[in-house]
C-alpha atoms as a PDB file:
ATOM      1  CA  UNK A   1     177.480 265.879 209.708  1.00  0.00           C
ATOM      2  CA  UNK A   2     180.786 264.044 209.334  1.00  0.00           C
ATOM      3  CA  UNK A   3     183.664 265.221 207.156  1.00  0.00           C
ATOM      4  CA  UNK A   4     183.185 262.392 204.668  1.00  0.00           C
ATOM      5  CA  UNK A   5     179.687 263.382 203.506  1.00  0.00           C
ATOM      6  CA  UNK A   6     180.773 267.025 203.385  1.00  0.00           C
ATOM      7  CA  UNK A   7     183.722 266.148 201.188  1.00  0.00           C
ATOM      8  CA  UNK A   8     181.527 264.052 198.948  1.00  0.00           C
ATOM      9  CA  UNK A   9     178.980 266.838 198.572  1.00  0.00           C
ATOM     10  CA  UNK A  10     181.745 269.301 197.702  1.00  0.00           C
ATOM     11  CA  UNK A  11     182.962 266.878 195.048  1.00  0.00           C
ATOM     12  CA  UNK A  12     179.437 266.643 193.613  1.00  0.00           C
ATOM     13  CA  UNK A  13     179.123 270.422 193.551  1.00  0.00           C
ATOM     14  CA  UNK A  14     182.576 270.957 192.062  1.00  0.00           C
ATOM     15  CA  UNK A  15     181.918 268.531 189.242  1.00  0.00           C
ATOM     16  CA  UNK A  16     178.433 269.898 188.639  1.00  0.00           C
ATOM     17  CA  UNK A  17     179.816 273.409 188.300  1.00  0.00           C
ATOM     18  CA  UNK A  18     182.453 272.321 185.808  1.00  0.00           C
ATOM     19  CA  UNK A  19     182.260 271.502 182.149  1.00  0.00           C
ATOM     20  CA  UNK A  20     181.175 267.897 182.771  1.00  0.00           C
ATOM     21  CA  UNK A  21     178.032 267.681 184.876  1.00  0.00           C
ATOM     22  CA  UNK A  22     177.518 264.522 186.878  1.00  0.00           C
ATOM     23  CA  UNK A  23     174.187 262.719 186.891  1.00  0.00           C
ATOM     24  CA  UNK A  24     173.122 264.502 190.056  1.00  0.00           C
ATOM     25  CA  UNK A  25     173.283 267.854 188.269  1.00  0.00           C
ATOM     26  CA  UNK A  26     169.543 267.661 187.749  1.00  0.00           C
ATOM     27  CA  UNK A  27     168.810 267.463 191.465  1.00  0.00           C
ATOM     28  CA  UNK A  28     171.448 270.027 192.373  1.00  0.00           C
ATOM     29  CA  UNK A  29     170.170 272.409 189.737  1.00  0.00           C
ATOM     30  CA  UNK A  30     166.533 272.375 190.804  1.00  0.00           C
ATOM     31  CA  UNK A  31     163.231 270.724 190.016  1.00  0.00           C
ATOM     32  CA  UNK A  32     161.717 272.848 187.318  1.00  0.00           C
ATOM     33  CA  UNK A  33     160.819 269.902 185.118  1.00  0.00           C
ATOM     34  CA  UNK A  34     162.121 269.059 181.666  1.00  0.00           C
ATOM     35  CA  UNK A  35     164.926 266.690 180.809  1.00  0.00           C
ATOM     36  CA  UNK A  36     168.001 266.842 183.053  1.00  0.00           C
ATOM     37  CA  UNK A  37     170.075 267.229 179.933  1.00  0.00           C
ATOM     38  CA  UNK A  38     168.324 270.551 179.312  1.00  0.00           C
ATOM     39  CA  UNK A  39     169.233 271.961 182.721  1.00  0.00           C
ATOM     40  CA  UNK A  40     172.344 274.004 183.368  1.00  0.00           C
ATOM     41  CA  UNK A  41     174.094 272.841 186.564  1.00  0.00           C
ATOM     42  CA  UNK A  42     174.595 275.367 189.328  1.00  0.00           C
ATOM     43  CA  UNK A  43     177.710 276.068 191.285  1.00  0.00           C
ATOM     44  CA  UNK A  44     177.427 275.924 195.076  1.00  0.00           C
ATOM     45  CA  UNK A  45     177.311 279.689 195.546  1.00  0.00           C
ATOM     46  CA  UNK A  46     174.600 280.076 192.882  1.00  0.00           C
ATOM     47  CA  UNK A  47     172.042 277.936 194.666  1.00  0.00           C
ATOM     48  CA  UNK A  48     168.951 279.259 196.340  1.00  0.00           C
ATOM     49  CA  UNK A  49     165.953 277.311 197.530  1.00  0.00           C
ATOM     50  CA  UNK A  50     163.388 279.760 196.205  1.00  0.00           C
ATOM     51  CA  UNK A  51     160.880 277.627 194.357  1.00  0.00           C
ATOM     52  CA  UNK A  52     163.135 274.584 194.736  1.00  0.00           C
ATOM     53  CA  UNK A  53     161.844 272.743 197.770  1.00  0.00           C
ATOM     54  CA  UNK A  54     158.457 271.098 198.222  1.00  0.00           C
ATOM     55  CA  UNK A  55     157.172 272.433 194.915  1.00  0.00           C
ATOM     56  CA  UNK A  56     153.453 271.669 194.610  1.00  0.00           C
ATOM     57  CA  UNK A  57     151.196 271.505 191.596  1.00  0.00           C
ATOM     58  CA  UNK A  58     147.590 270.520 191.135  1.00  0.00           C
ATOM     59  CA  UNK A  59     146.556 267.496 189.117  1.00  0.00           C
ATOM     60  CA  UNK A  60     143.161 266.023 188.401  1.00  0.00           C
ATOM     61  CA  UNK A  61     140.081 267.454 190.076  1.00  0.00           C
ATOM     62  CA  UNK A  62     140.357 270.073 192.796  1.00  0.00           C
ATOM     63  CA  UNK A  63     139.046 269.184 196.238  1.00  0.00           C
ATOM     64  CA  UNK A  64     135.746 270.742 197.126  1.00  0.00           C
ATOM     65  CA  UNK A  65     135.578 273.105 200.066  1.00  0.00           C
ATOM     66  CA  UNK A  66     133.837 270.428 202.095  1.00  0.00           C
ATOM     67  CA  UNK A  67     136.553 267.874 201.345  1.00  0.00           C
ATOM     68  CA  UNK A  68     139.244 270.393 202.222  1.00  0.00           C
ATOM     69  CA  UNK A  69     137.657 270.998 205.636  1.00  0.00           C
ATOM     70  CA  UNK A  70     137.856 267.273 206.331  1.00  0.00           C
ATOM     71  CA  UNK A  71     141.452 266.923 205.192  1.00  0.00           C
ATOM     72  CA  UNK A  72     144.466 266.123 207.357  1.00  0.00           C
ATOM     73  CA  UNK A  73     147.991 267.505 207.007  1.00  0.00           C
ATOM     74  CA  UNK A  74     150.848 265.016 207.223  1.00  0.00           C
ATOM     75  CA  UNK A  75     154.584 265.651 207.480  1.00  0.00           C
ATOM     76  CA  UNK A  76     156.611 263.134 205.503  1.00  0.00           C
ATOM     77  CA  UNK A  77     160.271 262.700 206.448  1.00  0.00           C
ATOM     78  CA  UNK A  78     162.771 260.848 204.281  1.00  0.00           C
ATOM     79  CA  UNK A  79     165.948 260.001 206.210  1.00  0.00           C
ATOM     80  CA  UNK A  80     169.237 258.584 204.965  1.00  0.00           C
ATOM     81  CA  UNK A  81     170.202 255.873 207.455  1.00  0.00           C
ATOM     82  CA  UNK A  82     173.043 254.369 205.427  1.00  0.00           C
ATOM     83  CA  UNK A  83     176.662 254.504 206.571  1.00  0.00           C
ATOM     84  CA  UNK A  84     180.122 253.756 205.187  1.00  0.00           C
ATOM     85  CA  UNK A  85     180.060 250.009 204.821  1.00  0.00           C
ATOM     86  CA  UNK A  86     176.396 249.759 203.827  1.00  0.00           C
ATOM     87  CA  UNK A  87     177.937 248.726 200.510  1.00  0.00           C
ATOM     88  CA  UNK A  88     181.316 247.004 200.291  1.00  0.00           C
ATOM     89  CA  UNK A  89     182.521 246.952 196.696  1.00  0.00           C
ATOM     90  CA  UNK A  90     184.473 244.174 195.053  1.00  0.00           C
ATOM     91  CA  UNK A  91     187.576 246.338 195.462  1.00  0.00           C
ATOM     92  CA  UNK A  92     186.975 246.477 199.222  1.00  0.00           C
ATOM     93  CA  UNK A  93     185.732 250.089 199.364  1.00  0.00           C
ATOM     94  CA  UNK A  94     183.125 250.742 202.051  1.00  0.00           C
ATOM     95  CA  UNK A  95     180.585 253.305 200.894  1.00  0.00           C
ATOM     96  CA  UNK A  96     177.328 254.846 202.022  1.00  0.00           C
ATOM     97  CA  UNK A  97     174.314 255.419 199.763  1.00  0.00           C
ATOM     98  CA  UNK A  98     173.249 259.013 199.047  1.00  0.00           C
ATOM     99  CA  UNK A  99     169.569 259.571 198.265  1.00  0.00           C
ATOM    100  CA  UNK A 100     168.465 261.991 195.589  1.00  0.00           C
ATOM    101  CA  UNK A 101     165.780 264.655 195.584  1.00  0.00           C
ATOM    102  CA  UNK A 102     162.467 263.049 194.815  1.00  0.00           C
ATOM    103  CA  UNK A 103     158.881 263.459 193.686  1.00  0.00           C
ATOM    104  CA  UNK A 104     155.590 262.808 195.476  1.00  0.00           C
ATOM    105  CA  UNK A 105     151.890 262.660 194.683  1.00  0.00           C
ATOM    106  CA  UNK A 106     148.603 262.471 196.597  1.00  0.00           C
ATOM    107  CA  UNK A 107     145.977 260.486 194.702  1.00  0.00           C
ATOM    108  CA  UNK A 108     143.096 258.081 195.017  1.00  0.00           C
ATOM    109  CA  UNK A 109     143.276 254.312 194.711  1.00  0.00           C
ATOM    110  CA  UNK A 110     142.598 254.428 190.970  1.00  0.00           C
ATOM    111  CA  UNK A 111     145.962 256.056 190.239  1.00  0.00           C
ATOM    112  CA  UNK A 112     149.285 254.305 189.759  1.00  0.00           C
ATOM    113  CA  UNK A 113     152.647 256.054 189.995  1.00  0.00           C
ATOM    114  CA  UNK A 114     154.227 253.658 187.462  1.00  0.00           C
ATOM    115  CA  UNK A 115     153.523 250.327 185.806  1.00  0.00           C
ATOM    116  CA  UNK A 116     155.690 247.303 186.683  1.00  0.00           C
ATOM    117  CA  UNK A 117     156.415 245.214 183.627  1.00  0.00           C
ATOM    118  CA  UNK A 118     156.262 248.268 181.372  1.00  0.00           C
ATOM    119  CA  UNK A 119     158.951 250.672 180.213  1.00  0.00           C
ATOM    120  CA  UNK A 120     159.675 253.606 182.512  1.00  0.00           C
ATOM    121  CA  UNK A 121     158.479 257.050 181.482  1.00  0.00           C
ATOM    122  CA  UNK A 122     160.994 259.736 180.570  1.00  0.00           C
ATOM    123  CA  UNK A 123     160.432 261.409 183.933  1.00  0.00           C
ATOM    124  CA  UNK A 124     160.938 258.261 185.965  1.00  0.00           C
ATOM    125  CA  UNK A 125     164.057 257.502 183.920  1.00  0.00           C
ATOM    126  CA  UNK A 126     165.481 260.947 184.753  1.00  0.00           C
ATOM    127  CA  UNK A 127     164.823 260.394 188.458  1.00  0.00           C
ATOM    128  CA  UNK A 128     166.104 256.798 188.564  1.00  0.00           C
ATOM    129  CA  UNK A 129     169.263 257.455 186.520  1.00  0.00           C
ATOM    130  CA  UNK A 130     170.201 261.013 187.447  1.00  0.00           C
ATOM    131  CA  UNK A 131     168.285 262.016 190.581  1.00  0.00           C
ATOM    132  CA  UNK A 132     166.304 264.682 188.713  1.00  0.00           C
ATOM    133  CA  UNK A 133     162.643 264.628 189.875  1.00  0.00           C
ATOM    134  CA  UNK A 134     161.030 267.565 188.075  1.00  0.00           C
ATOM    135  CA  UNK A 135     159.820 265.856 184.910  1.00  0.00           C
ATOM    136  CA  UNK A 136     158.441 262.905 186.854  1.00  0.00           C
ATOM    137  CA  UNK A 137     156.473 265.262 189.123  1.00  0.00           C
ATOM    138  CA  UNK A 138     155.081 266.955 186.008  1.00  0.00           C
ATOM    139  CA  UNK A 139     154.029 263.582 184.603  1.00  0.00           C
ATOM    140  CA  UNK A 140     152.254 262.669 187.829  1.00  0.00           C
ATOM    141  CA  UNK A 141     150.497 266.032 187.870  1.00  0.00           C
ATOM    142  CA  UNK A 142     148.987 265.253 184.476  1.00  0.00           C
ATOM    143  CA  UNK A 143     147.782 261.774 185.416  1.00  0.00           C
ATOM    144  CA  UNK A 144     144.157 260.856 186.123  1.00  0.00           C
ATOM    145  CA  UNK A 145     143.063 260.568 189.761  1.00  0.00           C
ATOM    146  CA  UNK A 146     146.085 262.553 191.009  1.00  0.00           C
ATOM    147  CA  UNK A 147     145.240 265.570 193.145  1.00  0.00           C
ATOM    148  CA  UNK A 148     148.542 267.097 194.243  1.00  0.00           C
ATOM    149  CA  UNK A 149     152.163 266.542 193.265  1.00  0.00           C
ATOM    150  CA  UNK A 150     155.458 268.038 194.281  1.00  0.00           C
ATOM    151  CA  UNK A 151     159.172 267.536 194.757  1.00  0.00           C
ATOM    152  CA  UNK A 152     161.491 267.441 197.754  1.00  0.00           C
ATOM    153  CA  UNK A 153     164.913 268.785 196.827  1.00  0.00           C
ATOM    154  CA  UNK A 154     166.525 270.708 199.696  1.00  0.00           C
ATOM    155  CA  UNK A 155     167.803 268.769 202.726  1.00  0.00           C
ATOM    156  CA  UNK A 156     166.487 269.967 206.073  1.00  0.00           C
ATOM    157  CA  UNK A 157     168.715 272.787 207.308  1.00  0.00           C
ATOM    158  CA  UNK A 158     170.443 273.233 203.947  1.00  0.00           C
ATOM    159  CA  UNK A 159     170.499 276.332 201.762  1.00  0.00           C
ATOM    160  CA  UNK A 160     169.848 274.700 198.402  1.00  0.00           C
ATOM    161  CA  UNK A 161     168.968 271.499 196.587  1.00  0.00           C
ATOM    162  CA  UNK A 162     171.268 268.516 197.072  1.00  0.00           C
ATOM    163  CA  UNK A 163     171.250 264.778 197.703  1.00  0.00           C
ATOM    164  CA  UNK A 164     171.081 263.657 201.323  1.00  0.00           C
ATOM    165  CA  UNK A 165     173.902 261.781 203.014  1.00  0.00           C
ATOM    166  CA  UNK A 166     173.931 259.645 206.198  1.00  0.00           C
ATOM    167  CA  UNK A 167     171.972 261.288 209.003  1.00  0.00           C
ATOM    168  CA  UNK A 168     170.347 263.897 206.763  1.00  0.00           C
ATOM    169  CA  UNK A 169     166.665 264.274 205.919  1.00  0.00           C
ATOM    170  CA  UNK A 170     164.139 265.748 203.532  1.00  0.00           C
ATOM    171  CA  UNK A 171     160.751 266.812 204.909  1.00  0.00           C
ATOM    172  CA  UNK A 172     157.581 267.947 203.189  1.00  0.00           C
ATOM    173  CA  UNK A 173     153.908 268.372 204.058  1.00  0.00           C
ATOM    174  CA  UNK A 174     150.942 266.907 202.227  1.00  0.00           C
ATOM    175  CA  UNK A 175     147.223 267.371 202.742  1.00  0.00           C
ATOM    176  CA  UNK A 176     144.858 264.462 202.176  1.00  0.00           C
ATOM    177  CA  UNK A 177     141.476 263.120 203.174  1.00  0.00           C
ATOM    178  CA  UNK A 178     140.130 259.622 203.814  1.00  0.00           C
ATOM    179  CA  UNK A 179     140.583 257.339 200.827  1.00  0.00           C
ATOM    180  CA  UNK A 180     143.657 259.104 199.502  1.00  0.00           C
ATOM    181  CA  UNK A 181     147.128 257.674 199.119  1.00  0.00           C
ATOM    182  CA  UNK A 182     150.741 258.875 198.925  1.00  0.00           C
ATOM    183  CA  UNK A 183     153.335 257.942 196.313  1.00  0.00           C
ATOM    184  CA  UNK A 184     156.972 259.048 196.392  1.00  0.00           C
ATOM    185  CA  UNK A 185     160.219 258.140 194.669  1.00  0.00           C
ATOM    186  CA  UNK A 186     163.901 258.856 195.329  1.00  0.00           C
ATOM    187  CA  UNK A 187     167.005 257.492 193.620  1.00  0.00           C
ATOM    188  CA  UNK A 188     169.305 254.867 195.138  1.00  0.00           C
ATOM    189  CA  UNK A 189     172.292 256.930 194.063  1.00  0.00           C
ATOM    190  CA  UNK A 190     174.933 254.173 194.087  1.00  0.00           C
ATOM    191  CA  UNK A 191     173.267 252.584 191.067  1.00  0.00           C
ATOM    192  CA  UNK A 192     172.547 253.079 187.403  1.00  0.00           C
ATOM    193  CA  UNK A 193     168.753 253.288 187.582  1.00  0.00           C
ATOM    194  CA  UNK A 194     167.363 252.092 190.914  1.00  0.00           C
ATOM    195  CA  UNK A 195     164.812 253.981 192.983  1.00  0.00           C
ATOM    196  CA  UNK A 196     162.825 253.590 196.190  1.00  0.00           C
ATOM    197  CA  UNK A 197     159.044 253.783 196.031  1.00  0.00           C
ATOM    198  CA  UNK A 198     155.913 252.221 197.481  1.00  0.00           C
ATOM    199  CA  UNK A 199     153.804 249.838 195.439  1.00  0.00           C
ATOM    200  CA  UNK A 200     152.485 251.589 192.298  1.00  0.00           C
ATOM    201  CA  UNK A 201     149.136 252.284 193.996  1.00  0.00           C
ATOM    202  CA  UNK A 202     150.941 254.117 196.800  1.00  0.00           C
ATOM    203  CA  UNK A 203     150.594 254.142 200.575  1.00  0.00           C
ATOM    204  CA  UNK A 204     147.151 254.546 202.127  1.00  0.00           C
ATOM    205  CA  UNK A 205     147.228 257.580 204.416  1.00  0.00           C
ATOM    206  CA  UNK A 206     144.160 256.375 206.319  1.00  0.00           C
ATOM    207  CA  UNK A 207     143.155 253.107 207.958  1.00  0.00           C
ATOM    208  CA  UNK A 208     139.459 252.724 208.751  1.00  0.00           C
ATOM    209  CA  UNK A 209     139.139 256.426 207.906  1.00  0.00           C
ATOM    210  CA  UNK A 210     141.710 257.312 210.585  1.00  0.00           C
ATOM    211  CA  UNK A 211     144.975 259.029 209.590  1.00  0.00           C
ATOM    212  CA  UNK A 212     148.103 256.922 209.912  1.00  0.00           C
ATOM    213  CA  UNK A 213     151.192 258.086 211.790  1.00  0.00           C
ATOM    214  CA  UNK A 214     154.585 256.452 212.170  1.00  0.00           C
ATOM    215  CA  UNK A 215     157.361 254.578 210.398  1.00  0.00           C
ATOM    216  CA  UNK A 216     156.272 253.293 206.973  1.00  0.00           C
ATOM    217  CA  UNK A 217     159.677 252.103 205.743  1.00  0.00           C
ATOM    218  CA  UNK A 218     158.458 248.514 205.563  1.00  0.00           C
ATOM    219  CA  UNK A 219     156.125 249.567 202.748  1.00  0.00           C
ATOM    220  CA  UNK A 220     159.005 250.724 200.537  1.00  0.00           C
ATOM    221  CA  UNK A 221     160.580 248.632 197.800  1.00  0.00           C
ATOM    222  CA  UNK A 222     163.751 249.015 195.763  1.00  0.00           C
ATOM    223  CA  UNK A 223     162.861 249.143 192.058  1.00  0.00           C
ATOM    224  CA  UNK A 224     164.924 248.858 188.879  1.00  0.00           C
ATOM    225  CA  UNK A 225     163.667 251.252 186.181  1.00  0.00           C
ATOM    226  CA  UNK A 226     165.043 248.978 183.433  1.00  0.00           C
ATOM    227  CA  UNK A 227     166.474 251.912 181.497  1.00  0.00           C
ATOM    228  CA  UNK A 228     170.222 251.435 182.000  1.00  0.00           C
ATOM    229  CA  UNK A 229     172.334 248.320 182.402  1.00  0.00           C
ATOM    230  CA  UNK A 230     173.289 247.675 186.017  1.00  0.00           C
ATOM    231  CA  UNK A 231     176.871 247.907 187.168  1.00  0.00           C
ATOM    232  CA  UNK A 232     178.344 246.962 190.524  1.00  0.00           C
ATOM    233  CA  UNK A 233     176.608 249.042 193.226  1.00  0.00           C
ATOM    234  CA  UNK A 234     178.894 251.755 194.565  1.00  0.00           C
ATOM    235  CA  UNK A 235     181.526 251.196 191.886  1.00  0.00           C
ATOM    236  CA  UNK A 236     179.979 251.576 188.413  1.00  0.00           C
ATOM    237  CA  UNK A 237     181.574 254.222 186.221  1.00  0.00           C
ATOM    238  CA  UNK A 238     178.161 255.199 184.798  1.00  0.00           C
ATOM    239  CA  UNK A 239     176.505 255.697 188.183  1.00  0.00           C
ATOM    240  CA  UNK A 240     175.608 259.188 189.372  1.00  0.00           C
ATOM    241  CA  UNK A 241     178.532 259.853 191.740  1.00  0.00           C
ATOM    242  CA  UNK A 242     181.066 258.821 189.096  1.00  0.00           C
ATOM    243  CA  UNK A 243     179.518 259.340 185.656  1.00  0.00           C
ATOM    244  CA  UNK A 244     180.743 262.104 183.361  1.00  0.00           C
ATOM    245  CA  UNK A 245     177.262 263.499 182.728  1.00  0.00           C
ATOM    246  CA  UNK A 246     173.540 262.784 182.992  1.00  0.00           C
ATOM    247  CA  UNK A 247     171.920 260.122 180.825  1.00  0.00           C
ATOM    248  CA  UNK A 248     175.205 258.218 180.643  1.00  0.00           C
ATOM    249  CA  UNK A 249     175.470 254.440 180.362  1.00  0.00           C
ATOM    250  CA  UNK A 250     174.358 251.571 178.161  1.00  0.00           C
ATOM    251  CA  UNK A 251     170.621 251.355 177.489  1.00  0.00           C
ATOM    252  CA  UNK A 252     168.937 248.315 178.972  1.00  0.00           C
ATOM    253  CA  UNK A 253     165.647 248.551 177.055  1.00  0.00           C
ATOM    254  CA  UNK A 254     163.980 246.728 179.932  1.00  0.00           C
ATOM    255  CA  UNK A 255     160.937 247.199 182.128  1.00  0.00           C
ATOM    256  CA  UNK A 256     160.269 248.296 185.714  1.00  0.00           C
ATOM    257  CA  UNK A 257     160.783 245.482 188.227  1.00  0.00           C
ATOM    258  CA  UNK A 258     161.596 245.101 191.895  1.00  0.00           C
ATOM    259  CA  UNK A 259     165.279 244.463 192.466  1.00  0.00           C
ATOM    260  CA  UNK A 260     164.361 240.993 193.787  1.00  0.00           C
ATOM    261  CA  UNK A 261     163.159 240.137 190.283  1.00  0.00           C
ATOM    262  CA  UNK A 262     166.423 241.246 188.665  1.00  0.00           C
ATOM    263  CA  UNK A 263     169.131 238.631 188.138  1.00  0.00           C
ATOM    264  CA  UNK A 264     172.209 240.855 187.810  1.00  0.00           C
ATOM    265  CA  UNK A 265     174.418 238.861 190.241  1.00  0.00           C
ATOM    266  CA  UNK A 266     174.886 241.886 192.527  1.00  0.00           C
ATOM    267  CA  UNK A 267     174.011 242.228 196.204  1.00  0.00           C
ATOM    268  CA  UNK A 268     171.953 245.178 197.456  1.00  0.00           C
ATOM    269  CA  UNK A 269     171.410 246.319 201.047  1.00  0.00           C
ATOM    270  CA  UNK A 270     168.028 245.899 202.688  1.00  0.00           C
ATOM    271  CA  UNK A 271     165.741 248.902 202.292  1.00  0.00           C
ATOM    272  CA  UNK A 272     165.905 249.661 206.021  1.00  0.00           C
ATOM    273  CA  UNK A 273     169.706 249.878 205.843  1.00  0.00           C
ATOM    274  CA  UNK A 274     169.516 252.867 203.506  1.00  0.00           C
ATOM    275  CA  UNK A 275     166.276 254.802 203.958  1.00  0.00           C
ATOM    276  CA  UNK A 276     163.665 255.497 206.630  1.00  0.00           C
ATOM    277  CA  UNK A 277     160.344 257.154 205.837  1.00  0.00           C
ATOM    278  CA  UNK A 278     157.959 258.391 208.512  1.00  0.00           C
ATOM    279  CA  UNK A 279     154.511 259.916 208.117  1.00  0.00           C
ATOM    280  CA  UNK A 280     153.332 262.076 211.007  1.00  0.00           C
ATOM    281  CA  UNK A 281     149.908 263.625 211.402  1.00  0.00           C
ATOM    282  CA  UNK A 282     150.213 267.338 212.074  1.00  0.00           C
END
């Protein structure tokens, strides 16, 4: 890892440990659910990953023993492929795009992870604005047709929860059977309330009853949660790397839309310039 991401992470941790917690305090402090404003930020030396990473809860009906025997285990890897210069601000600063801890769910094709054109839930707002996935995972766990949910919070090789920087990854395992789908969401950190996710119905983990394996980045979209007014990407004072605390910024009172449907006059990098997601059959 280069010195720049290390320095940035130290700045995140230093601010999170101080009296003014940045928006990423929720992801740095864990994924226990609840509003990020209710969580106390942790200093770097207080972090452990016990119970933090790949937390899994049950939702909906349990699989039967027969279904479980027919299930397949997949490893999902979320990689940050951005670099300094992925975003060039109006002031000429060249910045990369950190990705926040996220939430995932395994469900059938009757479930939706969110509803475009509707207001974001409190959990999705916390993830999209502050990189705090716990409440959103809890919401998914309580939804109909959802079987398993969890969070990914600790970067591969790290000792505690944190955002990922260029070249870093999150990995987690899911178990599913034919007909089931995967949803996930992670924050586009250089923004006020943008997040990456598949279509609301998720990604099918099987094609013609055969498990998929490979790069699925082309199925991801960049979404605007519609909860906070957008500022210039990589420069906004109310965006997670720079804001004084979580849930900071002017309310937008909008609805969930793809960024292509948002007319905010800003330019955003292509999905493949920031994130890569692979699904590998174990």
